Structures are given as structure tokens and as C-alpha cells.
Amino acid sequence: MQTIFNTTTRGELINRINSLNANSKAQWGKMNVYQMLKHCTLWEEMMQSKQNLKRVFLEEWIDRINQYAHFSNPNFEHVFFGKMTEEQIGYMVYKHIDHHLRQFNS
């Protein structure tokens, strides 16, 4: 199973993010590409317990993905799933990013 904590997997996701542009169209849902970038950037912030909100989404999202190389949030509790292990977080983060990149055919 893919995980965000794998260097190769992070690189593949970043390549897919870099393929997005202002004309990228969603394959489903109501979000445009900007809204999806904003959603995913803020979601990464929640996962990594970051407090400072920066609004430069495409560079910011990639920066946040790269930060998983040094992930440390042992007390993370998901609002629905509760306390999660680092392994579970890795799978969930990958699935979330993959879902939205597929949404925009990236």
C-alpha cells in the first residue's frame, strides 16, 4: 500500500501536483483546481499540526508534502477515526492526496 512516508511516493505525488494548472478540470465534484489546492493545503496543515496559515497554495502544498520526510505528530487524533498510528496516517494522507489528484486527472 502506498504511504506518504515513502520518498519515492512523495516524489510521484509532487510530480502529479506540478502537472496541475489553471485549466485543470475536475473529473467529479464541484471544486475547481484552486479550491482543491486550498483544501489540500489546509488539510496537510491539520495533519501536521501547523499553526501558521500561508496562502500560497501550490508551492505550500508541495512544501507540506516534503515535510513528511521528518513527520512527528505522535498525539494526532483524527476527528472521526481518533488516535492514529504513523503507519495509518501515512496511508490516509496518501489516499487523500491521490483522491484529489485523480479528481483533476493528475
Protein backbone atom coordinates (compact mmCIF):
# COMPACT_ATOMS: atom_id res chain seq x y z
CA MET A 1 0.00 0.00 0.00
CA GLN A 2 1.26 3.50 -0.84
CA THR A 3 2.29 5.77 2.06
CA ILE A 4 3.29 9.42 2.26
CA PHE A 5 6.33 8.44 4.31
CA ASN A 6 7.98 6.78 1.30
CA THR A 7 10.39 9.13 -0.53
CA THR A 8 9.53 7.76 -3.99
CA THR A 9 5.81 8.04 -3.32
CA ARG A 10 6.16 11.68 -2.20
CA GLY A 11 8.13 12.43 -5.37
CA GLU A 12 5.43 10.86 -7.55
CA LEU A 13 2.71 12.93 -5.84
CA ILE A 14 4.75 16.11 -6.24
CA ASN A 15 5.19 15.39 -9.96
CA ARG A 16 1.42 14.99 -10.26
CA ILE A 17 0.83 18.25 -8.38
CA ASN A 18 3.24 20.02 -10.71
CA SER A 19 1.15 18.83 -13.67
CA LEU A 20 -1.83 20.90 -12.43
CA ASN A 21 -2.57 24.27 -14.00
CA ALA A 22 -5.33 26.87 -14.02
CA ASN A 23 -7.15 24.95 -16.78
CA SER A 24 -7.18 21.59 -14.94
CA LYS A 25 -10.79 20.38 -14.82
CA ALA A 26 -12.27 18.19 -12.11
CA GLN A 27 -13.38 14.71 -13.14
CA TRP A 28 -16.01 14.85 -10.36
CA GLY A 29 -17.25 17.17 -7.62
CA LYS A 30 -17.78 20.92 -7.56
CA MET A 31 -14.29 22.16 -6.62
CA ASN A 32 -12.14 23.98 -9.11
CA VAL A 33 -8.39 23.42 -9.05
CA TYR A 34 -7.74 26.44 -6.81
CA GLN A 35 -10.31 25.25 -4.28
CA MET A 36 -8.81 21.76 -4.29
CA LEU A 37 -5.29 23.18 -3.71
CA LYS A 38 -6.60 25.28 -0.83
CA HIS A 39 -8.47 22.32 0.66
CA CYS A 40 -5.45 20.01 0.44
CA THR A 41 -3.00 22.58 1.79
CA LEU A 42 -5.19 23.27 4.82
CA TRP A 43 -5.73 19.53 5.31
CA GLU A 44 -1.95 18.98 5.40
CA GLU A 45 -1.74 21.74 7.98
CA MET A 46 -4.29 19.92 10.13
CA MET A 47 -2.40 16.63 9.79
CA GLN A 48 0.94 18.20 10.71
CA SER A 49 -0.43 20.48 13.47
CA LYS A 50 0.89 23.65 11.85
CA GLN A 51 -0.46 26.91 13.19
CA ASN A 52 0.74 29.45 10.61
CA LEU A 53 -1.60 29.67 7.62
CA LYS A 54 0.19 30.68 4.43
CA ARG A 55 -1.95 31.21 1.36
CA VAL A 56 0.48 30.32 -1.44
CA PHE A 57 -1.14 27.00 -2.17
CA LEU A 58 0.74 25.15 -4.96
CA GLU A 59 4.25 25.83 -3.53
CA GLU A 60 2.85 25.45 0.02
CA TRP A 61 1.24 22.05 -0.66
CA ILE A 62 4.47 20.66 -2.09
CA ASP A 63 6.38 22.02 0.91
CA ARG A 64 3.97 20.31 3.25
CA ILE A 65 4.31 17.00 1.40
CA ASN A 66 8.08 17.25 1.64
CA GLN A 67 7.75 17.77 5.40
CA TYR A 68 6.54 14.18 5.80
CA ALA A 69 10.19 13.15 5.47
CA HIS A 70 10.53 14.44 9.06
CA PHE A 71 6.98 13.79 10.33
CA SER A 72 6.42 13.91 14.04
CA ASN A 73 2.90 14.22 15.38
CA PRO A 74 2.57 11.28 17.81
CA ASN A 75 -0.51 12.74 19.51
CA PHE A 76 -2.54 13.21 16.32
CA GLU A 77 -6.22 12.39 16.72
CA HIS A 78 -8.50 12.44 13.68
CA VAL A 79 -11.94 13.93 14.35
CA PHE A 80 -13.66 10.72 13.16
CA PHE A 81 -11.04 7.95 13.48
CA GLY A 82 -9.49 9.00 16.79
CA LYS A 83 -5.85 8.34 17.67
CA MET A 84 -3.90 7.04 14.67
CA THR A 85 -0.51 5.39 14.29
CA GLU A 86 2.11 6.89 11.99
CA GLU A 87 1.52 3.99 9.60
CA GLN A 88 -2.22 4.71 9.48
CA ILE A 89 -1.54 8.41 8.96
CA GLY A 90 0.82 7.61 6.08
CA TYR A 91 -1.81 5.55 4.29
CA MET A 92 -4.58 8.08 4.90
CA VAL A 93 -2.53 11.07 3.75
CA TYR A 94 -1.52 9.25 0.56
CA LYS A 95 -5.12 8.24 -0.17
CA HIS A 96 -6.38 11.80 0.37
CA ILE A 97 -3.78 13.36 -1.93
CA ASP A 98 -4.23 10.64 -4.57
CA HIS A 99 -8.02 11.10 -4.49
CA HIS A 100 -7.80 14.81 -5.24
CA LEU A 101 -5.08 14.47 -7.88
CA ARG A 102 -7.22 11.85 -9.64
CA GLN A 103 -10.13 14.28 -9.37
CA PHE A 104 -8.15 16.64 -11.62
CA ASN A 105 -6.76 13.87 -13.82
CA SER A 106 -3.22 14.27 -12.44
